[in-house]
Structure formats: C-alpha cells, structure tokens
Amino acid sequence: MRAPPPVEFTSALGRAWRAALSLLVGAAVAVPLAWSLPYAAGGRDSGLFEVLGDPLAQAGLALGLAAMACAAFWRAGKRAAMRERTLRWDGQDWLLADDASARPDQRGDAALMLDLGPWMLVRFVPHASGAATWLPLAVAGDRVRWAALRGALWNWRAGRGDARPWR
C-alpha cells in the first residue's frame, strides 16, 4: 500500500472553540463558588448569609463570576490563537512547525484521537522528547486539504514510535 500524499494543515483555536472553552471554564469556576458562598459567609445570624442564601443573589453572583472567568479565558485564548502550529505529513514522517518562532521543525508521530467530521483532535509526540502536543484542527473551508489530512491520519501506519495510546 502506498503512503498518503504530502499535506500540511494549520492548527489554531477558532472563535467557536474559544467561546465554548470560555463558557465551560466560567461555569466551572462560578457555580461552585456561588453554592459555597452562603456557608462561608458566617453563621446563620449574619445578614450576609440571608442575602447570599437567596437563589437570585446566587444566580447573579454566578453570572458575574462566570463573566469575569470567561473574559479572562477569552483574553488568554486570543493570545494562544496567535500562536498557530502547522502539522505536516511529508509522505514519510509527521512534522510540527511553530509559525510564531524560528524553532526547527519537530519530527514525530501524530495520532487521530477524535474525529467529528469538520473538527479533529490530534496528538503529536515528537521523537526527541516525550512531551505530547494536542492540536485542535477545524476544516475552516479548505475541504481539499482537510480530506488529504484526514486520509493521512486515518491511513498512516506507524512503526516503533507510534503515538497511539494502545501500545
């Protein structure tokens, strides 16, 4: 069987992905804090306990904390989005290039961990070090290269340095 043809694809967190992660982080931070605040406010005699015991006050507090966490995560995500990574298949080996710096390409193994059609999650493990890099990839309108990348990830058969978790 022939190897899949060479292809390269850039990984960057899109708006929808950043928004979903922001909402998830915001909810994960806000809800436990809002639920625990009435009990951390003091005794039952405290007026603050009664105010924080109100479900509307808890919902407002949760929304405020969620908005702050979402804003912080969105800002961090925008900085991370500027750091795009390019995954290349040269017909023999996988390479990971960092577009933001002048570091040399890293050769390694790529494994398709999740394939949802227009979105994939790929794990890249460099040959030089064992630190894995997770790459969220989205089709973003380039269907020809997307099909070639999916074909390379699905049909690539690795040797001894296989990145798949079921070794």
Foldseek 3Di string as FASTA:
>chain_A
DFAFAKFKAKFFQDPVNLQVVLQVQLQVPQLVCLVCVLVVVDDPVDPVNVQSVDPVSSVVSSVVSSVVSSVVSSVVSVVRRVFMWMWIDHRPWIWIHTPVDPDDIFTFAKAFDDPPPQWTWIWTAGPVDGDIDIGIGGNVPVVVSVVSVVCNNVPDDDDDRHPDPPD
